Structure formats: C-alpha cells, structure tokens
C-alpha cells in the first residue's frame, strides 16, 4: 500500500491532489491483485491525470456560470 509520504517515483511530478488520487487508485488496483505493480502505477497516474482534467473543466464551467455579465 502506498501513502502520501511513500509513493512510486513516477508520481513525484504530479501535484498534491492529483498524486493523492493516483495513490487512491493504485491502492484499489493493488487490492484487486489483477495487475503487476508497474502497470498499476502507470494506470493510476493516467487515471488521476484524467480525473484532474475533468475536475478542472467542471470547475471552470461552474465559475463561468456564476460570473455576472459585462
């Protein structure tokens, strides 16, 4: 199991929230035991990046909706 203080080197470049999501995903995949650790890390980083992009996009849409018209 990985933690926010003990995680694979491939997750170092992720920002804190994206890394936390990657760790969460990686630990879930690890528990399932269907993939080797290298594939788990790659998949969790990809999924966390996708999660971060979608989350930011959703926040941008909401922010644009609440702005007053000029």
N, C-alpha and C. Protein backbone atom coordinates (compact mmCIF):
# COMPACT_ATOMS: atom_id res chain seq x y z
N UNK A 1 0.84 -1.19 0.00
CA UNK A 1 0.00 0.00 0.00
C UNK A 1 0.88 1.24 0.00
N UNK A 2 0.47 2.22 -0.79
CA UNK A 2 1.20 3.48 -0.87
C UNK A 2 0.48 4.55 -0.06
N UNK A 3 1.23 5.56 0.36
CA UNK A 3 0.69 6.68 1.13
C UNK A 3 1.19 7.98 0.52
N UNK A 4 0.73 9.09 1.07
CA UNK A 4 1.17 10.39 0.56
C UNK A 4 2.64 10.66 0.88
N UNK A 5 3.21 9.92 1.81
CA UNK A 5 4.64 10.09 2.11
C UNK A 5 5.49 8.95 1.55
N UNK A 6 4.85 7.90 1.06
CA UNK A 6 5.55 6.76 0.46
C UNK A 6 4.80 6.35 -0.80
N UNK A 7 5.34 6.77 -1.94
CA UNK A 7 4.67 6.51 -3.22
C UNK A 7 5.72 6.27 -4.30
N UNK A 8 5.33 5.71 -5.43
CA UNK A 8 6.27 5.44 -6.52
C UNK A 8 6.86 6.73 -7.10
N UNK A 9 8.08 6.65 -7.57
CA UNK A 9 8.77 7.80 -8.14
C UNK A 9 8.01 8.39 -9.32
N UNK A 10 7.27 7.59 -10.04
CA UNK A 10 6.51 8.07 -11.20
C UNK A 10 5.43 9.07 -10.82
N UNK A 11 5.10 9.14 -9.54
CA UNK A 11 4.05 10.06 -9.08
C UNK A 11 4.62 11.38 -8.56
N UNK A 12 5.94 11.52 -8.53
CA UNK A 12 6.57 12.74 -7.99
C UNK A 12 6.17 14.00 -8.73
N UNK A 13 6.01 13.90 -10.04
CA UNK A 13 5.73 15.09 -10.83
C UNK A 13 4.27 15.56 -10.75
N UNK A 14 3.42 14.76 -10.14
CA UNK A 14 2.01 15.13 -10.02
C UNK A 14 1.82 16.16 -8.91
N UNK A 15 0.84 17.05 -9.08
CA UNK A 15 0.57 17.97 -7.98
C UNK A 15 -0.06 17.18 -6.82
N UNK A 16 -0.16 17.79 -5.68
CA UNK A 16 -0.54 17.08 -4.46
C UNK A 16 -1.90 16.40 -4.57
N UNK A 17 -2.91 17.08 -5.08
CA UNK A 17 -4.25 16.47 -5.15
C UNK A 17 -4.31 15.36 -6.20
N UNK A 18 -3.63 15.55 -7.32
CA UNK A 18 -3.60 14.52 -8.35
C UNK A 18 -2.82 13.31 -7.86
N UNK A 19 -1.72 13.54 -7.14
CA UNK A 19 -0.95 12.44 -6.58
C UNK A 19 -1.78 11.65 -5.57
N UNK A 20 -2.54 12.36 -4.74
CA UNK A 20 -3.39 11.67 -3.76
C UNK A 20 -4.41 10.78 -4.46
N UNK A 21 -4.97 11.27 -5.56
CA UNK A 21 -5.93 10.47 -6.33
C UNK A 21 -5.23 9.27 -6.96
N UNK A 22 -4.03 9.47 -7.49
CA UNK A 22 -3.28 8.37 -8.09
C UNK A 22 -2.97 7.30 -7.05
N UNK A 23 -2.61 7.72 -5.85
CA UNK A 23 -2.34 6.78 -4.76
C UNK A 23 -3.60 6.00 -4.40
N UNK A 24 -4.72 6.71 -4.32
CA UNK A 24 -6.00 6.05 -4.03
C UNK A 24 -6.32 5.00 -5.09
N UNK A 25 -6.19 5.36 -6.36
CA UNK A 25 -6.47 4.43 -7.46
C UNK A 25 -5.50 3.26 -7.42
N UNK A 26 -4.22 3.55 -7.22
CA UNK A 26 -3.20 2.50 -7.19
C UNK A 26 -3.47 1.50 -6.06
N UNK A 27 -3.84 1.99 -4.91
CA UNK A 27 -4.12 1.08 -3.78
C UNK A 27 -5.34 0.21 -4.06
N UNK A 28 -6.34 0.78 -4.72
CA UNK A 28 -7.51 -0.03 -5.10
C UNK A 28 -7.12 -1.13 -6.08
N UNK A 29 -6.31 -0.78 -7.08
CA UNK A 29 -5.87 -1.77 -8.06
C UNK A 29 -4.98 -2.82 -7.40
N UNK A 30 -4.15 -2.39 -6.48
CA UNK A 30 -3.28 -3.32 -5.75
C UNK A 30 -4.10 -4.34 -4.97
N UNK A 31 -5.17 -3.87 -4.33
CA UNK A 31 -6.04 -4.77 -3.58
C UNK A 31 -6.71 -5.80 -4.48
N UNK A 32 -7.04 -5.40 -5.71
CA UNK A 32 -7.66 -6.32 -6.65
C UNK A 32 -6.69 -7.41 -7.10
N UNK A 33 -5.41 -7.08 -7.12
CA UNK A 33 -4.37 -8.06 -7.43
C UNK A 33 -4.36 -8.57 -8.86
N UNK A 34 -4.93 -7.83 -9.79
CA UNK A 34 -5.01 -8.32 -11.16
C UNK A 34 -3.85 -7.83 -12.04
N UNK A 35 -3.11 -6.81 -11.59
CA UNK A 35 -2.03 -6.24 -12.39
C UNK A 35 -0.74 -6.24 -11.58
N UNK A 36 0.40 -6.20 -12.29
CA UNK A 36 1.66 -6.07 -11.58
C UNK A 36 1.85 -4.60 -11.17
N UNK A 37 2.78 -4.35 -10.27
CA UNK A 37 2.94 -3.00 -9.71
C UNK A 37 3.28 -1.95 -10.76
N UNK A 38 4.09 -2.30 -11.74
CA UNK A 38 4.45 -1.33 -12.77
C UNK A 38 3.21 -0.88 -13.55
N UNK A 39 2.37 -1.81 -13.93
CA UNK A 39 1.14 -1.47 -14.66
C UNK A 39 0.17 -0.70 -13.78
N UNK A 40 0.13 -1.04 -12.51
CA UNK A 40 -0.73 -0.32 -11.57
C UNK A 40 -0.32 1.14 -11.50
N UNK A 41 0.97 1.40 -11.41
CA UNK A 41 1.45 2.78 -11.32
C UNK A 41 1.11 3.55 -12.58
N UNK A 42 1.38 2.98 -13.73
CA UNK A 42 1.09 3.65 -15.00
C UNK A 42 -0.40 3.95 -15.12
N UNK A 43 -1.22 2.97 -14.84
CA UNK A 43 -2.67 3.14 -14.97
C UNK A 43 -3.19 4.16 -13.97
N UNK A 44 -2.71 4.12 -12.74
CA UNK A 44 -3.21 5.06 -11.72
C UNK A 44 -2.81 6.50 -12.04
N UNK A 45 -1.60 6.70 -12.57
CA UNK A 45 -1.17 8.04 -12.95
C UNK A 45 -2.03 8.56 -14.11
N UNK A 46 -2.26 7.72 -15.11
CA UNK A 46 -3.11 8.12 -16.24
C UNK A 46 -4.52 8.48 -15.78
N UNK A 47 -5.09 7.64 -14.95
CA UNK A 47 -6.46 7.88 -14.46
C UNK A 47 -6.54 9.13 -13.59
N UNK A 48 -5.54 9.35 -12.76
CA UNK A 48 -5.53 10.53 -11.90
C UNK A 48 -5.39 11.81 -12.73
N UNK A 49 -4.58 11.76 -13.77
CA UNK A 49 -4.45 12.93 -14.65
C UNK A 49 -5.78 13.21 -15.35
N UNK A 50 -6.44 12.16 -15.80
CA UNK A 50 -7.75 12.31 -16.44
C UNK A 50 -8.75 12.90 -15.44
N UNK A 51 -8.72 12.41 -14.21
CA UNK A 51 -9.59 12.91 -13.14
C UNK A 51 -9.35 14.40 -12.91
N UNK A 52 -8.07 14.79 -12.86
CA UNK A 52 -7.73 16.19 -12.62
C UNK A 52 -8.21 17.08 -13.76
N UNK A 53 -8.04 16.62 -15.00
CA UNK A 53 -8.50 17.41 -16.14
C UNK A 53 -10.02 17.58 -16.10
N UNK A 54 -10.73 16.53 -15.83
CA UNK A 54 -12.20 16.60 -15.78
C UNK A 54 -12.67 17.48 -14.63
N UNK A 55 -12.01 17.37 -13.50
CA UNK A 55 -12.37 18.19 -12.34
C UNK A 55 -12.17 19.66 -12.60
N UNK A 56 -11.05 20.01 -13.23
CA UNK A 56 -10.79 21.41 -13.55
C UNK A 56 -11.78 21.93 -14.57
N UNK A 57 -12.11 21.10 -15.54
CA UNK A 57 -13.06 21.52 -16.58
C UNK A 57 -14.42 21.79 -15.96
N UNK A 58 -14.85 20.92 -15.04
CA UNK A 58 -16.13 21.12 -14.37
C UNK A 58 -16.12 22.40 -13.55
N UNK A 59 -15.02 22.67 -12.85
CA UNK A 59 -14.92 23.88 -12.05
C UNK A 59 -14.95 25.13 -12.92
N UNK A 60 -14.32 25.08 -14.09
CA UNK A 60 -14.32 26.22 -15.00
C UNK A 60 -15.72 26.53 -15.50
N UNK A 61 -16.48 25.49 -15.82
CA UNK A 61 -17.85 25.68 -16.29
C UNK A 61 -18.69 26.34 -15.19
N UNK A 62 -18.57 25.85 -13.96
CA UNK A 62 -19.33 26.43 -12.86
C UNK A 62 -18.92 27.87 -12.60
N UNK A 63 -17.63 28.15 -12.67
CA UNK A 63 -17.15 29.52 -12.45
C UNK A 63 -17.70 30.46 -13.51
N UNK A 64 -17.76 30.03 -14.76
CA UNK A 64 -18.27 30.86 -15.84
C UNK A 64 -19.76 31.12 -15.69
N UNK A 65 -20.49 30.20 -15.11
CA UNK A 65 -21.93 30.35 -14.95
C UNK A 65 -22.26 31.37 -13.86
N UNK A 66 -21.38 31.53 -12.88
CA UNK A 66 -21.69 32.43 -11.77
C UNK A 66 -21.16 33.84 -11.97
N UNK A 67 -20.42 34.07 -13.04
CA UNK A 67 -19.88 35.41 -13.29
C UNK A 67 -20.97 36.31 -13.84
N UNK A 68 -21.02 37.54 -13.37
CA UNK A 68 -22.02 38.47 -13.91
C UNK A 68 -21.68 38.85 -15.34
N UNK A 69 -22.69 39.19 -16.10
CA UNK A 69 -22.46 39.60 -17.48
C UNK A 69 -21.86 40.99 -17.50
N UNK A 70 -20.98 41.23 -18.46
CA UNK A 70 -20.32 42.54 -18.56
C UNK A 70 -21.14 43.49 -19.39
